[in-house]
Amino acid sequence: MFQIRIHGRGGQGVVSAAELLSIAAFAEGKHSQAVPSFGSERMGAPVVAYVRMDDKEIELREPVLDPDLLIVQDPTLFNAIDVLSGLKSDGYLLINSTRSPDELGISEAVQRLPDGHVLTVPATELAMRHLNRSTPNTVLLGALTAVRDLIALESVFTAIRQKFPNKVAEMNIAAAQAAHDSIKAA
C-alpha cells in the first residue's frame, strides 16, 4: 500500500487534491481512498488529507501516520506544525515553493531522505499563470506524476475532467502539465 499525506491551508484545495488523486488511482484499476481531516474549518487554517492506494482492497480508515509521500501545499506550515512527522526514511517530499530546503529551514530534517526525494515546484506561480488563482492542488498532482511512477499524468487529467467543468478542467490540466514538465526538465 502507498500512503500520501497532503498538508495545506483551508482554501488551497487540499481535500480536492486527495479526492482527485483517489479518482486517478481508481481510473487505473487500483483501490484507493481519500480521507479529509479538518480542524477549524476556516480559510487559512491548517488542513490535512490522506490518500491510500493499493492493488488490493484497503481496510484501514485511520489517519496516515507514516506516509510514503508528503505533499506540502503551504511551506509556512513547516514553522507551525510537524509536517514531516512519520515520513518514511525512503519517502518523498513534494513542496509548493520556489525556495530550497535550506531556505525553508528544513535541510537538516530532510537530509536523511535519498537524493531526488525532496522536490520543490512553484505551484502557486503556475496556478496563477494558468488558473488566475493561487490554488496549487492540481499543479502539485501534475508534479507528483513526474516524481514517482505511481499515477499516470493522463489519469490525473481524467480525474480533473470528472471534477471540473470543461474550461476550468482544461485550465487545471494545463497547470498540471506545466508542473509535470518542470519536474521532468529539472
N, C-alpha and C. Protein backbone atom coordinates (compact mmCIF):
# COMPACT_ATOMS: atom_id res chain seq x y z
N MET A 1 0.84 -1.18 0.00
CA MET A 1 0.00 0.00 0.00
C MET A 1 0.89 1.24 0.00
N PHE A 2 0.49 2.24 -0.79
CA PHE A 2 1.20 3.51 -0.86
C PHE A 2 0.33 4.55 -0.17
N GLN A 3 0.93 5.29 0.78
CA GLN A 3 0.17 6.25 1.57
C GLN A 3 0.72 7.66 1.39
N ILE A 4 -0.20 8.60 1.23
CA ILE A 4 0.16 10.00 0.99
C ILE A 4 -0.56 10.88 2.01
N ARG A 5 0.17 11.86 2.52
CA ARG A 5 -0.44 12.87 3.39
C ARG A 5 -0.25 14.22 2.71
N ILE A 6 -1.33 14.98 2.63
CA ILE A 6 -1.29 16.29 1.99
C ILE A 6 -1.57 17.35 3.04
N HIS A 7 -0.64 18.30 3.17
CA HIS A 7 -0.78 19.41 4.12
C HIS A 7 -0.98 20.71 3.36
N GLY A 8 -1.87 21.53 3.86
CA GLY A 8 -2.09 22.85 3.28
C GLY A 8 -2.93 23.68 4.22
N ARG A 9 -3.53 24.69 3.65
CA ARG A 9 -4.40 25.57 4.42
C ARG A 9 -5.77 25.61 3.76
N GLY A 10 -6.77 25.91 4.56
CA GLY A 10 -8.13 26.00 4.04
C GLY A 10 -8.20 26.93 2.85
N GLY A 11 -8.81 26.48 1.78
CA GLY A 11 -8.93 27.28 0.56
C GLY A 11 -7.92 26.92 -0.51
N GLN A 12 -6.94 26.07 -0.18
CA GLN A 12 -5.92 25.68 -1.15
C GLN A 12 -6.28 24.42 -1.92
N GLY A 13 -7.39 23.80 -1.61
CA GLY A 13 -7.80 22.60 -2.34
C GLY A 13 -7.15 21.32 -1.86
N VAL A 14 -6.81 21.24 -0.59
CA VAL A 14 -6.18 20.03 -0.04
C VAL A 14 -7.11 18.83 -0.16
N VAL A 15 -8.36 19.00 0.25
CA VAL A 15 -9.33 17.91 0.20
C VAL A 15 -9.61 17.52 -1.25
N SER A 16 -9.72 18.51 -2.11
CA SER A 16 -9.94 18.22 -3.54
C SER A 16 -8.76 17.48 -4.14
N ALA A 17 -7.54 17.83 -3.73
CA ALA A 17 -6.35 17.13 -4.24
C ALA A 17 -6.40 15.66 -3.87
N ALA A 18 -6.78 15.37 -2.62
CA ALA A 18 -6.87 13.97 -2.19
C ALA A 18 -7.94 13.24 -2.99
N GLU A 19 -9.07 13.88 -3.17
CA GLU A 19 -10.15 13.27 -3.94
C GLU A 19 -9.72 13.00 -5.39
N LEU A 20 -9.08 13.98 -6.02
CA LEU A 20 -8.62 13.82 -7.40
C LEU A 20 -7.60 12.71 -7.53
N LEU A 21 -6.68 12.62 -6.58
CA LEU A 21 -5.67 11.57 -6.61
C LEU A 21 -6.30 10.19 -6.45
N SER A 22 -7.30 10.12 -5.59
CA SER A 22 -8.01 8.86 -5.40
C SER A 22 -8.77 8.46 -6.67
N ILE A 23 -9.41 9.41 -7.32
CA ILE A 23 -10.11 9.14 -8.57
C ILE A 23 -9.14 8.69 -9.66
N ALA A 24 -7.97 9.34 -9.72
CA ALA A 24 -6.96 8.97 -10.72
C ALA A 24 -6.48 7.54 -10.49
N ALA A 25 -6.26 7.16 -9.24
CA ALA A 25 -5.83 5.79 -8.93
C ALA A 25 -6.92 4.79 -9.31
N PHE A 26 -8.15 5.13 -8.99
CA PHE A 26 -9.28 4.25 -9.32
C PHE A 26 -9.40 4.07 -10.83
N ALA A 27 -9.15 5.15 -11.58
CA ALA A 27 -9.20 5.09 -13.05
C ALA A 27 -8.17 4.11 -13.61
N GLU A 28 -7.12 3.87 -12.86
CA GLU A 28 -6.07 2.92 -13.26
C GLU A 28 -6.33 1.52 -12.72
N GLY A 29 -7.48 1.31 -12.12
CA GLY A 29 -7.83 -0.01 -11.62
C GLY A 29 -7.32 -0.32 -10.23
N LYS A 30 -6.82 0.70 -9.53
CA LYS A 30 -6.33 0.50 -8.18
C LYS A 30 -7.45 0.73 -7.17
N HIS A 31 -7.28 0.17 -6.01
CA HIS A 31 -8.15 0.52 -4.89
C HIS A 31 -7.58 1.81 -4.31
N SER A 32 -8.45 2.72 -3.96
CA SER A 32 -7.97 4.00 -3.43
C SER A 32 -8.94 4.54 -2.40
N GLN A 33 -8.40 5.45 -1.61
CA GLN A 33 -9.17 6.03 -0.52
C GLN A 33 -8.67 7.44 -0.28
N ALA A 34 -9.59 8.39 -0.19
CA ALA A 34 -9.26 9.77 0.17
C ALA A 34 -9.99 10.10 1.46
N VAL A 35 -9.25 10.58 2.45
CA VAL A 35 -9.83 10.88 3.75
C VAL A 35 -9.43 12.29 4.17
N PRO A 36 -10.40 13.20 4.28
CA PRO A 36 -10.08 14.54 4.77
C PRO A 36 -10.01 14.56 6.29
N SER A 37 -9.28 15.50 6.83
CA SER A 37 -9.21 15.69 8.27
C SER A 37 -9.24 17.18 8.54
N PHE A 38 -10.25 17.63 9.24
CA PHE A 38 -10.42 19.06 9.47
C PHE A 38 -10.18 19.40 10.93
N GLY A 39 -9.60 20.56 11.14
CA GLY A 39 -9.55 21.15 12.47
C GLY A 39 -10.63 22.21 12.45
N SER A 40 -10.22 23.44 12.62
CA SER A 40 -11.19 24.52 12.48
C SER A 40 -11.40 24.72 10.98
N GLU A 41 -12.62 24.71 10.56
CA GLU A 41 -12.93 24.77 9.13
C GLU A 41 -13.07 26.22 8.69
N ARG A 42 -11.92 26.86 8.51
CA ARG A 42 -11.95 28.25 8.04
C ARG A 42 -10.80 28.48 7.08
N MET A 43 -10.97 29.48 6.27
CA MET A 43 -9.96 29.84 5.29
C MET A 43 -8.63 30.13 5.99
N GLY A 44 -7.57 29.48 5.54
CA GLY A 44 -6.25 29.71 6.09
C GLY A 44 -5.85 28.79 7.23
N ALA A 45 -6.79 28.05 7.79
CA ALA A 45 -6.46 27.12 8.88
C ALA A 45 -5.76 25.90 8.31
N PRO A 46 -4.85 25.29 9.06
CA PRO A 46 -4.19 24.07 8.58
C PRO A 46 -5.22 22.97 8.27
N VAL A 47 -5.01 22.30 7.15
CA VAL A 47 -5.87 21.21 6.71
C VAL A 47 -4.97 20.06 6.29
N VAL A 48 -5.41 18.83 6.60
CA VAL A 48 -4.67 17.64 6.20
C VAL A 48 -5.65 16.70 5.52
N ALA A 49 -5.19 16.03 4.48
CA ALA A 49 -5.98 14.98 3.84
C ALA A 49 -5.04 13.81 3.56
N TYR A 50 -5.64 12.63 3.49
CA TYR A 50 -4.86 11.41 3.32
C TYR A 50 -5.35 10.65 2.10
N VAL A 51 -4.41 9.99 1.44
CA VAL A 51 -4.75 9.15 0.29
C VAL A 51 -4.01 7.82 0.47
N ARG A 52 -4.74 6.76 0.21
CA ARG A 52 -4.13 5.44 0.17
C ARG A 52 -4.47 4.82 -1.17
N MET A 53 -3.52 4.06 -1.71
CA MET A 53 -3.79 3.31 -2.92
C MET A 53 -3.06 1.98 -2.86
N ASP A 54 -3.72 0.98 -3.43
CA ASP A 54 -3.17 -0.37 -3.37
C ASP A 54 -3.79 -1.19 -4.50
N ASP A 55 -3.17 -2.33 -4.76
CA ASP A 55 -3.74 -3.25 -5.75
C ASP A 55 -4.83 -4.12 -5.14
N LYS A 56 -4.92 -4.11 -3.82
CA LYS A 56 -5.98 -4.90 -3.16
C LYS A 56 -6.82 -3.98 -2.29
N GLU A 57 -7.92 -4.49 -1.80
CA GLU A 57 -8.86 -3.70 -1.01
C GLU A 57 -8.17 -3.07 0.21
N ILE A 58 -8.55 -1.86 0.53
CA ILE A 58 -7.97 -1.12 1.65
C ILE A 58 -8.98 -1.14 2.80
N GLU A 59 -8.56 -1.65 3.93
CA GLU A 59 -9.46 -1.75 5.07
C GLU A 59 -9.18 -0.70 6.15
N LEU A 60 -8.03 -0.06 6.10
CA LEU A 60 -7.69 0.97 7.08
C LEU A 60 -8.58 2.20 6.89
N ARG A 61 -8.87 2.88 7.98
CA ARG A 61 -9.66 4.11 7.91
C ARG A 61 -9.06 5.23 8.75
N GLU A 62 -7.96 4.96 9.42
CA GLU A 62 -7.36 5.96 10.29
C GLU A 62 -6.44 6.90 9.51
N PRO A 63 -6.02 7.98 10.16
CA PRO A 63 -5.10 8.92 9.50
C PRO A 63 -3.80 8.23 9.08
N VAL A 64 -3.15 8.78 8.08
CA VAL A 64 -1.85 8.28 7.62
C VAL A 64 -0.77 8.87 8.53
N LEU A 65 -0.18 8.02 9.34
CA LEU A 65 0.84 8.47 10.27
C LEU A 65 2.25 8.27 9.73
N ASP A 66 2.44 7.32 8.81
CA ASP A 66 3.76 7.03 8.26
C ASP A 66 3.69 7.07 6.72
N PRO A 67 3.58 8.27 6.17
CA PRO A 67 3.40 8.39 4.71
C PRO A 67 4.64 8.00 3.91
N ASP A 68 4.36 7.51 2.71
CA ASP A 68 5.42 7.27 1.72
C ASP A 68 5.74 8.57 0.98
N LEU A 69 4.77 9.46 0.98
CA LEU A 69 4.90 10.74 0.26
C LEU A 69 4.16 11.82 1.02
N LEU A 70 4.80 12.96 1.15
CA LEU A 70 4.17 14.16 1.71
C LEU A 70 4.06 15.20 0.61
N ILE A 71 2.90 15.80 0.50
CA ILE A 71 2.71 16.95 -0.38
C ILE A 71 2.42 18.14 0.53
N VAL A 72 3.22 19.18 0.41
CA VAL A 72 3.06 20.37 1.25
C VAL A 72 2.65 21.52 0.35
N GLN A 73 1.39 21.91 0.46
CA GLN A 73 0.85 22.97 -0.39
C GLN A 73 1.19 24.35 0.13
N ASP A 74 1.53 24.47 1.41
CA ASP A 74 1.88 25.75 2.00
C ASP A 74 3.11 25.57 2.89
N PRO A 75 4.28 26.01 2.42
CA PRO A 75 5.51 25.79 3.18
C PRO A 75 5.58 26.54 4.51
N THR A 76 4.69 27.51 4.75
CA THR A 76 4.70 28.18 6.06
C THR A 76 4.30 27.21 7.17
N LEU A 77 3.69 26.08 6.79
CA LEU A 77 3.31 25.08 7.79
C LEU A 77 4.51 24.44 8.46
N PHE A 78 5.69 24.46 7.81
CA PHE A 78 6.89 23.90 8.44
C PHE A 78 7.18 24.61 9.76
N ASN A 79 6.78 25.88 9.87
CA ASN A 79 7.02 26.66 11.09
C ASN A 79 5.87 26.54 12.08
N ALA A 80 4.76 25.93 11.68
CA ALA A 80 3.57 25.88 12.52
C ALA A 80 3.31 24.50 13.12
N ILE A 81 3.56 23.44 12.36
CA ILE A 81 3.29 22.08 12.82
C ILE A 81 4.42 21.16 12.35
N ASP A 82 4.45 19.96 12.89
CA ASP A 82 5.48 18.99 12.50
C ASP A 82 5.03 18.25 11.24
N VAL A 83 5.14 18.91 10.12
CA VAL A 83 4.68 18.37 8.83
C VAL A 83 5.40 17.07 8.49
N LEU A 84 6.67 16.98 8.79
CA LEU A 84 7.48 15.83 8.39
C LEU A 84 7.31 14.61 9.30
N SER A 85 6.51 14.73 10.31
CA SER A 85 6.30 13.64 11.26
C SER A 85 5.90 12.34 10.55
N GLY A 86 6.67 11.27 10.84
CA GLY A 86 6.34 9.95 10.33
C GLY A 86 6.77 9.65 8.91
N LEU A 87 7.29 10.63 8.17
CA LEU A 87 7.69 10.39 6.79
C LEU A 87 8.74 9.28 6.76
N LYS A 88 8.49 8.28 5.95
CA LYS A 88 9.40 7.13 5.88
C LYS A 88 10.79 7.57 5.42
N SER A 89 11.81 6.82 5.84
CA SER A 89 13.20 7.20 5.54
C SER A 89 13.51 7.15 4.05
N ASP A 90 12.70 6.43 3.28
CA ASP A 90 12.87 6.43 1.82
C ASP A 90 11.71 7.15 1.14
N GLY A 91 11.01 7.99 1.92
CA GLY A 91 9.83 8.70 1.42
C GLY A 91 10.17 9.86 0.49
N TYR A 92 9.11 10.45 -0.02
CA TYR A 92 9.22 11.58 -0.93
C TYR A 92 8.57 12.80 -0.30
N LEU A 93 9.11 13.96 -0.63
CA LEU A 93 8.57 15.22 -0.15
C LEU A 93 8.44 16.16 -1.34
N LEU A 94 7.22 16.58 -1.61
CA LEU A 94 6.92 17.50 -2.71
C LEU A 94 6.38 18.78 -2.10
N ILE A 95 7.09 19.89 -2.31
CA ILE A 95 6.78 21.15 -1.65
C ILE A 95 6.42 22.22 -2.68
N ASN A 96 5.34 22.95 -2.43
CA ASN A 96 4.97 24.11 -3.22
C ASN A 96 5.85 25.28 -2.78
N SER A 97 6.92 25.51 -3.51
CA SER A 97 7.82 26.61 -3.15
C SER A 97 8.81 26.88 -4.26
N THR A 98 9.29 28.10 -4.29
CA THR A 98 10.41 28.47 -5.17
C THR A 98 11.71 28.42 -4.37
N ARG A 99 11.59 28.18 -3.07
CA ARG A 99 12.75 28.18 -2.18
C ARG A 99 13.29 26.76 -1.98
N SER A 100 14.56 26.66 -1.71
CA SER A 100 15.22 25.37 -1.47
C SER A 100 14.92 24.91 -0.04
N PRO A 101 15.18 23.62 0.26
CA PRO A 101 15.04 23.15 1.64
C PRO A 101 15.88 23.97 2.63
N ASP A 102 17.08 24.40 2.22
CA ASP A 102 17.90 25.25 3.09
C ASP A 102 17.16 26.54 3.41
N GLU A 103 16.63 27.19 2.38
CA GLU A 103 15.92 28.45 2.56
C GLU A 103 14.64 28.28 3.38
N LEU A 104 14.05 27.10 3.31
CA LEU A 104 12.84 26.81 4.08
C LEU A 104 13.15 26.40 5.51
N GLY A 105 14.43 26.19 5.81
CA GLY A 105 14.85 25.81 7.16
C GLY A 105 14.59 24.35 7.49
N ILE A 106 14.52 23.49 6.48
CA ILE A 106 14.23 22.07 6.73
C ILE A 106 15.34 21.15 6.24
N SER A 107 16.47 21.70 5.82
CA SER A 107 17.53 20.87 5.22
C SER A 107 18.01 19.79 6.18
N GLU A 108 18.15 20.11 7.45
CA GLU A 108 18.61 19.12 8.42
C GLU A 108 17.58 18.00 8.58
N ALA A 109 16.32 18.36 8.58
CA ALA A 109 15.24 17.37 8.76
C ALA A 109 15.10 16.43 7.57
N VAL A 110 15.45 16.90 6.37
CA VAL A 110 15.26 16.07 5.17
C VAL A 110 16.55 15.44 4.65
N GLN A 111 17.67 15.68 5.33
CA GLN A 111 18.94 15.13 4.84
C GLN A 111 18.97 13.62 4.87
N ARG A 112 18.10 12.99 5.64
CA ARG A 112 18.04 11.52 5.71
C ARG A 112 17.34 10.92 4.51
N LEU A 113 16.64 11.72 3.74
CA LEU A 113 15.93 11.22 2.57
C LEU A 113 16.90 11.01 1.41
N PRO A 114 16.65 10.01 0.57
CA PRO A 114 17.54 9.77 -0.58
C PRO A 114 17.57 10.97 -1.54
N ASP A 115 18.67 11.07 -2.28
CA ASP A 115 18.78 12.11 -3.30
C ASP A 115 17.61 12.01 -4.27
N GLY A 116 17.07 13.15 -4.65
CA GLY A 116 15.96 13.18 -5.59
C GLY A 116 14.60 12.95 -4.96
N HIS A 117 14.54 12.79 -3.64
CA HIS A 117 13.26 12.55 -2.97
C HIS A 117 12.64 13.81 -2.37
N VAL A 118 13.35 14.92 -2.43
CA VAL A 118 12.82 16.20 -1.96
C VAL A 118 12.79 17.14 -3.15
N LEU A 119 11.57 17.53 -3.53
CA LEU A 119 11.41 18.39 -4.70
C LEU A 119 10.54 19.58 -4.38
N THR A 120 10.91 20.70 -4.97
CA THR A 120 10.08 21.89 -4.87
C THR A 120 9.57 22.24 -6.27
N VAL A 121 8.37 22.76 -6.29
CA VAL A 121 7.77 23.19 -7.55
C VAL A 121 7.03 24.50 -7.27
N PRO A 122 7.15 25.49 -8.14
CA PRO A 122 6.46 26.76 -7.92
C PRO A 122 4.97 26.65 -8.26
N ALA A 123 4.26 25.84 -7.50
CA ALA A 123 2.87 25.51 -7.81
C ALA A 123 1.95 26.73 -7.77
N THR A 124 2.16 27.61 -6.79
CA THR A 124 1.30 28.79 -6.72
C THR A 124 1.50 29.67 -7.95
N GLU A 125 2.75 29.85 -8.35
CA GLU A 125 3.03 30.68 -9.54
C GLU A 125 2.43 30.05 -10.80
N LEU A 126 2.55 28.73 -10.93
CA LEU A 126 1.97 28.05 -12.09
C LEU A 126 0.44 28.13 -12.06
N ALA A 127 -0.14 28.03 -10.87
CA ALA A 127 -1.60 28.17 -10.74
C ALA A 127 -2.04 29.57 -11.15
N MET A 128 -1.31 30.57 -10.71
CA MET A 128 -1.67 31.95 -11.10
C MET A 128 -1.57 32.13 -12.61
N ARG A 129 -0.55 31.56 -13.21
CA ARG A 129 -0.34 31.70 -14.65
C ARG A 129 -1.45 31.00 -15.45
N HIS A 130 -1.84 29.81 -15.02
CA HIS A 130 -2.79 29.01 -15.79
C HIS A 130 -4.24 29.11 -15.32
N LEU A 131 -4.44 29.41 -14.03
CA LEU A 131 -5.79 29.41 -13.47
C LEU A 131 -6.26 30.79 -13.02
N ASN A 132 -5.33 31.73 -12.97
CA ASN A 132 -5.62 33.07 -12.45
C ASN A 132 -6.08 33.05 -11.00
N ARG A 133 -5.65 32.05 -10.27
CA ARG A 133 -5.90 31.96 -8.83
C ARG A 133 -4.79 31.13 -8.19
N SER A 134 -4.60 31.32 -6.91
CA SER A 134 -3.45 30.70 -6.23
C SER A 134 -3.77 29.35 -5.59
N THR A 135 -4.46 28.50 -6.32
CA THR A 135 -4.81 27.18 -5.81
C THR A 135 -3.82 26.16 -6.38
N PRO A 136 -2.89 25.65 -5.55
CA PRO A 136 -1.81 24.81 -6.05
C PRO A 136 -2.12 23.31 -6.18
N ASN A 137 -3.33 22.89 -5.85
CA ASN A 137 -3.60 21.45 -5.73
C ASN A 137 -3.39 20.67 -7.02
N THR A 138 -4.03 21.04 -8.11
CA THR A 138 -3.89 20.26 -9.35
C THR A 138 -2.48 20.39 -9.92
N VAL A 139 -1.85 21.52 -9.67
CA VAL A 139 -0.47 21.73 -10.12
C VAL A 139 0.43 20.69 -9.45
N LEU A 140 0.28 20.53 -8.15
CA LEU A 140 1.11 19.57 -7.42
C LEU A 140 0.83 18.13 -7.82
N LEU A 141 -0.40 17.84 -8.21
CA LEU A 141 -0.70 16.48 -8.69
C LEU A 141 0.01 16.21 -10.01
N GLY A 142 0.09 17.22 -10.86
CA GLY A 142 0.85 17.07 -12.10
C GLY A 142 2.32 16.82 -11.80
N ALA A 143 2.86 17.56 -10.83
CA ALA A 143 4.26 17.37 -10.43
C ALA A 143 4.47 15.96 -9.86
N LEU A 144 3.52 15.51 -9.07
CA LEU A 144 3.62 14.17 -8.47
C LEU A 144 3.81 13.09 -9.53
N THR A 145 3.13 13.21 -10.66
CA THR A 145 3.25 12.19 -11.71
C THR A 145 4.65 12.13 -12.29
N ALA A 146 5.41 13.20 -12.15
CA ALA A 146 6.79 13.22 -12.65
C ALA A 146 7.79 12.77 -11.59
N VAL A 147 7.38 12.79 -10.33
CA VAL A 147 8.28 12.46 -9.23
C VAL A 147 8.47 10.95 -9.10
N ARG A 148 7.37 10.23 -9.20
CA ARG A 148 7.40 8.79 -8.97
C ARG A 148 6.41 8.12 -9.91
N ASP A 149 6.73 6.94 -10.32
CA ASP A 149 5.85 6.18 -11.21
C ASP A 149 4.73 5.57 -10.39
N LEU A 150 3.80 6.41 -9.99
CA LEU A 150 2.71 6.00 -9.12
C LEU A 150 1.38 6.10 -9.85
N ILE A 151 1.16 7.24 -10.45
CA ILE A 151 -0.07 7.54 -11.19
C ILE A 151 0.34 8.20 -12.50
N ALA A 152 -0.32 7.84 -13.57
CA ALA A 152 -0.03 8.45 -14.86
C ALA A 152 -0.63 9.86 -14.94
N LEU A 153 0.05 10.74 -15.62
CA LEU A 153 -0.45 12.10 -15.81
C LEU A 153 -1.83 12.09 -16.45
N GLU A 154 -2.04 11.23 -17.42
CA GLU A 154 -3.34 11.15 -18.09
C GLU A 154 -4.45 10.76 -17.11
N SER A 155 -4.15 9.96 -16.11
CA SER A 155 -5.15 9.59 -15.10
C SER A 155 -5.53 10.80 -14.24
N VAL A 156 -4.55 11.66 -13.95
CA VAL A 156 -4.85 12.91 -13.24
C VAL A 156 -5.75 13.77 -14.11
N PHE A 157 -5.45 13.84 -15.41
CA PHE A 157 -6.30 14.60 -16.33
C PHE A 157 -7.73 14.06 -16.32
N THR A 158 -7.87 12.74 -16.32
CA THR A 158 -9.20 12.11 -16.28
C THR A 158 -9.96 12.54 -15.03
N ALA A 159 -9.28 12.53 -13.89
CA ALA A 159 -9.91 12.93 -12.62
C ALA A 159 -10.32 14.41 -12.67
N ILE A 160 -9.45 15.25 -13.20
CA ILE A 160 -9.75 16.68 -13.31
C ILE A 160 -10.98 16.90 -14.19
N ARG A 161 -11.04 16.19 -15.30
CA ARG A 161 -12.19 16.34 -16.20
C ARG A 161 -13.49 15.88 -15.54
N GLN A 162 -13.41 14.91 -14.64
CA GLN A 162 -14.60 14.45 -13.92
C GLN A 162 -15.08 15.46 -12.90
N LYS A 163 -14.15 16.20 -12.31
CA LYS A 163 -14.50 17.11 -11.21
C LYS A 163 -14.89 18.51 -11.67
N PHE A 164 -14.25 19.00 -12.72
CA PHE A 164 -14.44 20.40 -13.11
C PHE A 164 -15.15 20.53 -14.45
N PRO A 165 -15.86 21.66 -14.65
CA PRO A 165 -16.46 21.93 -15.97
C PRO A 165 -15.37 22.11 -17.03
N ASN A 166 -15.74 22.00 -18.29
CA ASN A 166 -14.79 21.96 -19.41
C ASN A 166 -13.68 23.00 -19.38
N LYS A 167 -14.01 24.28 -19.36
CA LYS A 167 -12.97 25.31 -19.44
C LYS A 167 -12.07 25.27 -18.19
N VAL A 168 -12.67 25.13 -17.03
CA VAL A 168 -11.91 25.06 -15.79
C VAL A 168 -11.02 23.81 -15.78
N ALA A 169 -11.57 22.71 -16.27
CA ALA A 169 -10.78 21.46 -16.35
C ALA A 169 -9.56 21.66 -17.24
N GLU A 170 -9.74 22.25 -18.39
CA GLU A 170 -8.62 22.43 -19.32
C GLU A 170 -7.56 23.37 -18.75
N MET A 171 -7.98 24.38 -18.00
CA MET A 171 -7.01 25.27 -17.36
C MET A 171 -6.21 24.50 -16.29
N ASN A 172 -6.89 23.67 -15.51
CA ASN A 172 -6.21 22.86 -14.49
C ASN A 172 -5.28 21.83 -15.13
N ILE A 173 -5.69 21.27 -16.24
CA ILE A 173 -4.85 20.31 -16.96
C ILE A 173 -3.59 21.00 -17.47
N ALA A 174 -3.73 22.20 -18.00
CA ALA A 174 -2.56 22.95 -18.47
C ALA A 174 -1.59 23.22 -17.31
N ALA A 175 -2.14 23.56 -16.15
CA ALA A 175 -1.29 23.83 -14.98
C ALA A 175 -0.59 22.56 -14.51
N ALA A 176 -1.32 21.44 -14.47
CA ALA A 176 -0.73 20.17 -14.08
C ALA A 176 0.36 19.74 -15.05
N GLN A 177 0.11 19.93 -16.34
CA GLN A 177 1.10 19.59 -17.36
C GLN A 177 2.37 20.43 -17.20
N ALA A 178 2.20 21.72 -16.92
CA ALA A 178 3.35 22.61 -16.74
C ALA A 178 4.21 22.15 -15.55
N ALA A 179 3.57 21.74 -14.46
CA ALA A 179 4.31 21.28 -13.29
C ALA A 179 5.03 19.97 -13.60
N HIS A 180 4.33 19.06 -14.27
CA HIS A 180 4.93 17.79 -14.68
C HIS A 180 6.18 18.07 -15.51
N ASP A 181 6.04 18.93 -16.49
CA ASP A 181 7.16 19.24 -17.39
C ASP A 181 8.32 19.91 -16.64
N SER A 182 8.00 20.77 -15.66
CA SER A 182 9.08 21.45 -14.94
C SER A 182 9.89 20.48 -14.09
N ILE A 183 9.24 19.47 -13.52
CA ILE A 183 9.96 18.46 -12.73
C ILE A 183 10.79 17.57 -13.67
N LYS A 184 10.23 17.17 -14.78
CA LYS A 184 10.95 16.33 -15.73
C LYS A 184 12.18 17.03 -16.30
N ALA A 185 12.07 18.36 -16.49
CA ALA A 185 13.17 19.13 -17.06
C ALA A 185 14.30 19.38 -16.06
N ALA A 186 13.98 19.27 -14.77
CA ALA A 186 14.97 19.59 -13.72
C ALA A 186 16.04 18.53 -13.58
